[in-house]
């Protein structure tokens, strides 16, 4: 029964992070930390071997390095970089490739739709939203794209399959 943990924890935390980013433009540190901690518990319960867990950890650290570089260049927020690394940890190699590609597609689509909404949305919608999401010069909360990409790719991931089969 506990092997089903990754099937529940990962999508819930990723969805919560995406919603939180859209509403508050922040992803609290506890969310990526909870994702990383949950992975360390869920991976052995799902039956992943030590070699597979090591590869997932390597991918997570690599993603953290890439995320920090993107943050330093001003391409991502700090919370987005940490969320990217925590999600990549769950996908490992080669699953992270699909995650990155799907997330990039969602990121592009979300950006275009958000820019269109900012230009054409009725003032009532803009005034009803709790933050500056619909303001012309506001940043794009990329945690939304990270969550959508993760939720799309997760059912095909190694840990999901192991969690369901175990």
C-alpha atoms as a PDB file:
ATOM      1  CA  UNK A   1       0.000   0.000   0.000  1.00  0.00           C
ATOM      2  CA  UNK A   2       2.819   2.430   0.829  1.00  0.00           C
ATOM      3  CA  UNK A   3       4.307   1.885  -2.630  1.00  0.00           C
ATOM      4  CA  UNK A   4       1.396   3.928  -3.990  1.00  0.00           C
ATOM      5  CA  UNK A   5       2.791   6.992  -2.168  1.00  0.00           C
ATOM      6  CA  UNK A   6       4.560   8.519  -5.209  1.00  0.00           C
ATOM      7  CA  UNK A   7       1.362   8.333  -7.213  1.00  0.00           C
ATOM      8  CA  UNK A   8      -0.303  10.602  -4.637  1.00  0.00           C
ATOM      9  CA  UNK A   9       2.379  12.883  -3.203  1.00  0.00           C
ATOM     10  CA  UNK A  10       4.160  14.056  -6.339  1.00  0.00           C
ATOM     11  CA  UNK A  11       1.108  15.250  -8.307  1.00  0.00           C
ATOM     12  CA  UNK A  12      -0.458  16.924  -5.277  1.00  0.00           C
ATOM     13  CA  UNK A  13       2.690  18.871  -4.411  1.00  0.00           C
ATOM     14  CA  UNK A  14       3.379  19.842  -8.027  1.00  0.00           C
ATOM     15  CA  UNK A  15      -0.194  21.045  -8.562  1.00  0.00           C
ATOM     16  CA  UNK A  16      -0.073  23.010  -5.308  1.00  0.00           C
ATOM     17  CA  UNK A  17       3.221  24.639  -6.334  1.00  0.00           C
ATOM     18  CA  UNK A  18       1.833  25.647  -9.739  1.00  0.00           C
ATOM     19  CA  UNK A  19      -1.298  27.160  -8.218  1.00  0.00           C
ATOM     20  CA  UNK A  20       0.703  28.907  -5.515  1.00  0.00           C
ATOM     21  CA  UNK A  21       3.031  30.435  -8.116  1.00  0.00           C
ATOM     22  CA  UNK A  22       0.092  31.700 -10.197  1.00  0.00           C
ATOM     23  CA  UNK A  23      -1.576  33.271  -7.176  1.00  0.00           C
ATOM     24  CA  UNK A  24       1.348  34.609  -5.159  1.00  0.00           C
ATOM     25  CA  UNK A  25       4.348  34.580  -7.537  1.00  0.00           C
ATOM     26  CA  UNK A  26       6.149  32.499  -4.928  1.00  0.00           C
ATOM     27  CA  UNK A  27       6.958  28.849  -4.427  1.00  0.00           C
ATOM     28  CA  UNK A  28       7.800  28.394  -0.751  1.00  0.00           C
ATOM     29  CA  UNK A  29      10.986  26.480  -0.002  1.00  0.00           C
ATOM     30  CA  UNK A  30       9.054  23.779   1.822  1.00  0.00           C
ATOM     31  CA  UNK A  31       7.428  22.637  -1.440  1.00  0.00           C
ATOM     32  CA  UNK A  32      10.606  21.560  -3.297  1.00  0.00           C
ATOM     33  CA  UNK A  33      12.029  20.267  -0.023  1.00  0.00           C
ATOM     34  CA  UNK A  34       8.887  18.193   0.565  1.00  0.00           C
ATOM     35  CA  UNK A  35       9.127  16.849  -2.995  1.00  0.00           C
ATOM     36  CA  UNK A  36      12.762  15.851  -2.466  1.00  0.00           C
ATOM     37  CA  UNK A  37      12.048  14.296   0.922  1.00  0.00           C
ATOM     38  CA  UNK A  38       9.024  12.440  -0.424  1.00  0.00           C
ATOM     39  CA  UNK A  39      11.151  11.050  -3.244  1.00  0.00           C
ATOM     40  CA  UNK A  40      13.696   9.691  -0.762  1.00  0.00           C
ATOM     41  CA  UNK A  41      10.886   7.857   1.047  1.00  0.00           C
ATOM     42  CA  UNK A  42       8.832   6.866  -1.992  1.00  0.00           C
ATOM     43  CA  UNK A  43      11.602   5.541  -4.254  1.00  0.00           C
ATOM     44  CA  UNK A  44      12.595   2.563  -2.069  1.00  0.00           C
ATOM     45  CA  UNK A  45       8.930   1.864  -1.267  1.00  0.00           C
ATOM     46  CA  UNK A  46       8.204   1.775  -5.001  1.00  0.00           C
ATOM     47  CA  UNK A  47      10.954  -0.787  -5.452  1.00  0.00           C
ATOM     48  CA  UNK A  48      13.604   1.356  -7.136  1.00  0.00           C
ATOM     49  CA  UNK A  49      17.080  -0.058  -6.626  1.00  0.00           C
ATOM     50  CA  UNK A  50      20.019   1.902  -5.254  1.00  0.00           C
ATOM     51  CA  UNK A  51      21.517   2.401  -8.712  1.00  0.00           C
ATOM     52  CA  UNK A  52      18.265   3.877 -10.012  1.00  0.00           C
ATOM     53  CA  UNK A  53      17.921   6.091  -6.944  1.00  0.00           C
ATOM     54  CA  UNK A  54      21.505   7.286  -7.442  1.00  0.00           C
ATOM     55  CA  UNK A  55      20.769   8.169 -11.047  1.00  0.00           C
ATOM     56  CA  UNK A  56      17.661  10.104  -9.985  1.00  0.00           C
ATOM     57  CA  UNK A  57      19.757  12.001  -7.431  1.00  0.00           C
ATOM     58  CA  UNK A  58      22.360  12.836 -10.074  1.00  0.00           C
ATOM     59  CA  UNK A  59      19.643  14.156 -12.385  1.00  0.00           C
ATOM     60  CA  UNK A  60      18.176  16.218  -9.537  1.00  0.00           C
ATOM     61  CA  UNK A  61      21.538  17.784  -8.697  1.00  0.00           C
ATOM     62  CA  UNK A  62      22.213  18.454 -12.380  1.00  0.00           C
ATOM     63  CA  UNK A  63      18.827  20.141 -12.692  1.00  0.00           C
ATOM     64  CA  UNK A  64      19.562  22.213  -9.587  1.00  0.00           C
ATOM     65  CA  UNK A  65      22.818  23.397 -11.163  1.00  0.00           C
ATOM     66  CA  UNK A  66      21.019  24.269 -14.428  1.00  0.00           C
ATOM     67  CA  UNK A  67      18.202  25.959 -12.518  1.00  0.00           C
ATOM     68  CA  UNK A  68      20.684  28.053 -10.514  1.00  0.00           C
ATOM     69  CA  UNK A  69      22.383  29.121 -13.737  1.00  0.00           C
ATOM     70  CA  UNK A  70      19.018  30.084 -15.253  1.00  0.00           C
ATOM     71  CA  UNK A  71      18.197  32.018 -12.070  1.00  0.00           C
ATOM     72  CA  UNK A  72      21.542  33.831 -12.228  1.00  0.00           C
ATOM     73  CA  UNK A  73      20.766  34.811 -15.834  1.00  0.00           C
ATOM     74  CA  UNK A  74      17.336  36.082 -14.812  1.00  0.00           C
ATOM     75  CA  UNK A  75      15.472  33.460 -16.849  1.00  0.00           C
ATOM     76  CA  UNK A  76      13.762  31.784 -13.862  1.00  0.00           C
ATOM     77  CA  UNK A  77      12.798  32.747 -10.355  1.00  0.00           C
ATOM     78  CA  UNK A  78      14.520  31.066  -7.441  1.00  0.00           C
ATOM     79  CA  UNK A  79      11.437  29.044  -6.515  1.00  0.00           C
ATOM     80  CA  UNK A  80      11.063  27.892 -10.116  1.00  0.00           C
ATOM     81  CA  UNK A  81      14.695  26.712 -10.180  1.00  0.00           C
ATOM     82  CA  UNK A  82      14.236  24.702  -6.979  1.00  0.00           C
ATOM     83  CA  UNK A  83      10.923  23.260  -8.151  1.00  0.00           C
ATOM     84  CA  UNK A  84      12.545  22.267 -11.461  1.00  0.00           C
ATOM     85  CA  UNK A  85      15.289  20.390  -9.605  1.00  0.00           C
ATOM     86  CA  UNK A  86      12.860  18.669  -7.236  1.00  0.00           C
ATOM     87  CA  UNK A  87      10.653  17.537 -10.121  1.00  0.00           C
ATOM     88  CA  UNK A  88      13.649  16.356 -12.175  1.00  0.00           C
ATOM     89  CA  UNK A  89      14.679  14.223  -9.184  1.00  0.00           C
ATOM     90  CA  UNK A  90      11.450  12.242  -9.577  1.00  0.00           C
ATOM     91  CA  UNK A  91      11.951  11.653 -13.321  1.00  0.00           C
ATOM     92  CA  UNK A  92      15.571  10.531 -13.391  1.00  0.00           C
ATOM     93  CA  UNK A  93      17.256   9.650 -16.662  1.00  0.00           C
ATOM     94  CA  UNK A  94      15.994   9.516 -19.411  1.00  0.00           C
ATOM     95  CA  UNK A  95      12.556  10.573 -18.097  1.00  0.00           C
ATOM     96  CA  UNK A  96      13.783  14.095 -17.385  1.00  0.00           C
ATOM     97  CA  UNK A  97      14.140  14.686 -21.139  1.00  0.00           C
ATOM     98  CA  UNK A  98      10.398  14.275 -21.697  1.00  0.00           C
ATOM     99  CA  UNK A  99       9.716  16.443 -18.636  1.00  0.00           C
ATOM    100  CA  UNK A 100      11.914  19.266 -19.955  1.00  0.00           C
ATOM    101  CA  UNK A 101      10.453  19.126 -23.464  1.00  0.00           C
ATOM    102  CA  UNK A 102       6.817  19.012 -22.355  1.00  0.00           C
ATOM    103  CA  UNK A 103       7.436  21.743 -19.779  1.00  0.00           C
ATOM    104  CA  UNK A 104       9.010  23.959 -22.437  1.00  0.00           C
ATOM    105  CA  UNK A 105       5.960  23.465 -24.668  1.00  0.00           C
ATOM    106  CA  UNK A 106       3.613  24.314 -21.802  1.00  0.00           C
ATOM    107  CA  UNK A 107       5.794  27.282 -20.899  1.00  0.00           C
ATOM    108  CA  UNK A 108       5.574  28.682 -24.419  1.00  0.00           C
ATOM    109  CA  UNK A 109       1.839  28.073 -24.666  1.00  0.00           C
ATOM    110  CA  UNK A 110       1.167  29.501 -21.201  1.00  0.00           C
ATOM    111  CA  UNK A 111       3.257  32.584 -21.976  1.00  0.00           C
ATOM    112  CA  UNK A 112       1.449  33.263 -25.257  1.00  0.00           C
ATOM    113  CA  UNK A 113      -1.982  32.752 -23.674  1.00  0.00           C
ATOM    114  CA  UNK A 114      -1.106  34.904 -20.682  1.00  0.00           C
ATOM    115  CA  UNK A 115       0.225  37.719 -22.870  1.00  0.00           C
ATOM    116  CA  UNK A 116      -2.953  37.572 -24.950  1.00  0.00           C
ATOM    117  CA  UNK A 117      -5.085  37.614 -21.796  1.00  0.00           C
ATOM    118  CA  UNK A 118      -3.130  40.591 -20.486  1.00  0.00           C
ATOM    119  CA  UNK A 119      -3.842  42.455 -23.686  1.00  0.00           C
ATOM    120  CA  UNK A 120      -7.475  41.464 -24.240  1.00  0.00           C
ATOM    121  CA  UNK A 121      -8.896  40.409 -20.851  1.00  0.00           C
ATOM    122  CA  UNK A 122     -11.857  42.415 -19.579  1.00  0.00           C
ATOM    123  CA  UNK A 123     -10.974  44.788 -16.725  1.00  0.00           C
ATOM    124  CA  UNK A 124     -13.272  42.849 -14.374  1.00  0.00           C
ATOM    125  CA  UNK A 125     -11.097  39.748 -14.774  1.00  0.00           C
ATOM    126  CA  UNK A 126      -7.933  41.721 -14.182  1.00  0.00           C
ATOM    127  CA  UNK A 127      -9.384  43.396 -11.103  1.00  0.00           C
ATOM    128  CA  UNK A 128     -10.659  40.109  -9.686  1.00  0.00           C
ATOM    129  CA  UNK A 129      -7.295  38.321  -9.773  1.00  0.00           C
ATOM    130  CA  UNK A 130      -5.445  38.487  -6.427  1.00  0.00           C
ATOM    131  CA  UNK A 131      -2.079  39.613  -7.822  1.00  0.00           C
ATOM    132  CA  UNK A 132      -0.420  41.213 -10.837  1.00  0.00           C
ATOM    133  CA  UNK A 133      -0.709  38.150 -13.095  1.00  0.00           C
ATOM    134  CA  UNK A 134      -2.704  40.070 -15.696  1.00  0.00           C
ATOM    135  CA  UNK A 135      -0.687  43.300 -15.492  1.00  0.00           C
ATOM    136  CA  UNK A 136       1.194  44.121 -18.695  1.00  0.00           C
ATOM    137  CA  UNK A 137       4.735  44.170 -17.294  1.00  0.00           C
ATOM    138  CA  UNK A 138       4.416  41.348 -14.767  1.00  0.00           C
ATOM    139  CA  UNK A 139       6.663  38.309 -14.921  1.00  0.00           C
ATOM    140  CA  UNK A 140       5.466  34.902 -16.071  1.00  0.00           C
ATOM    141  CA  UNK A 141       5.013  32.453 -13.161  1.00  0.00           C
ATOM    142  CA  UNK A 142       6.898  29.527 -14.688  1.00  0.00           C
ATOM    143  CA  UNK A 143       5.912  27.228 -11.833  1.00  0.00           C
ATOM    144  CA  UNK A 144       2.620  26.807 -13.704  1.00  0.00           C
ATOM    145  CA  UNK A 145       4.430  25.335 -16.723  1.00  0.00           C
ATOM    146  CA  UNK A 146       6.621  23.173 -14.483  1.00  0.00           C
ATOM    147  CA  UNK A 147       3.544  21.758 -12.766  1.00  0.00           C
ATOM    148  CA  UNK A 148       1.705  21.130 -16.038  1.00  0.00           C
ATOM    149  CA  UNK A 149       4.755  19.448 -17.570  1.00  0.00           C
ATOM    150  CA  UNK A 150       5.313  17.276 -14.512  1.00  0.00           C
ATOM    151  CA  UNK A 151       1.671  16.242 -14.267  1.00  0.00           C
ATOM    152  CA  UNK A 152       1.581  15.354 -17.962  1.00  0.00           C
ATOM    153  CA  UNK A 153       4.759  13.267 -17.985  1.00  0.00           C
ATOM    154  CA  UNK A 154       4.521  11.648 -14.532  1.00  0.00           C
ATOM    155  CA  UNK A 155       2.145   8.793 -15.504  1.00  0.00           C
ATOM    156  CA  UNK A 156       4.825   7.553 -17.937  1.00  0.00           C
ATOM    157  CA  UNK A 157       7.657   7.793 -15.427  1.00  0.00           C
ATOM    158  CA  UNK A 158       9.698   4.966 -13.975  1.00  0.00           C
ATOM    159  CA  UNK A 159       8.689   5.722 -10.380  1.00  0.00           C
ATOM    160  CA  UNK A 160       4.992   5.928 -11.264  1.00  0.00           C
ATOM    161  CA  UNK A 161       5.149   2.533 -12.978  1.00  0.00           C
ATOM    162  CA  UNK A 162       7.100   1.060 -10.066  1.00  0.00           C
ATOM    163  CA  UNK A 163       4.682   2.554  -7.541  1.00  0.00           C
ATOM    164  CA  UNK A 164       1.619   1.213  -9.327  1.00  0.00           C
ATOM    165  CA  UNK A 165       3.139  -2.230  -9.938  1.00  0.00           C
ATOM    166  CA  UNK A 166       4.578  -2.742  -6.441  1.00  0.00           C
END
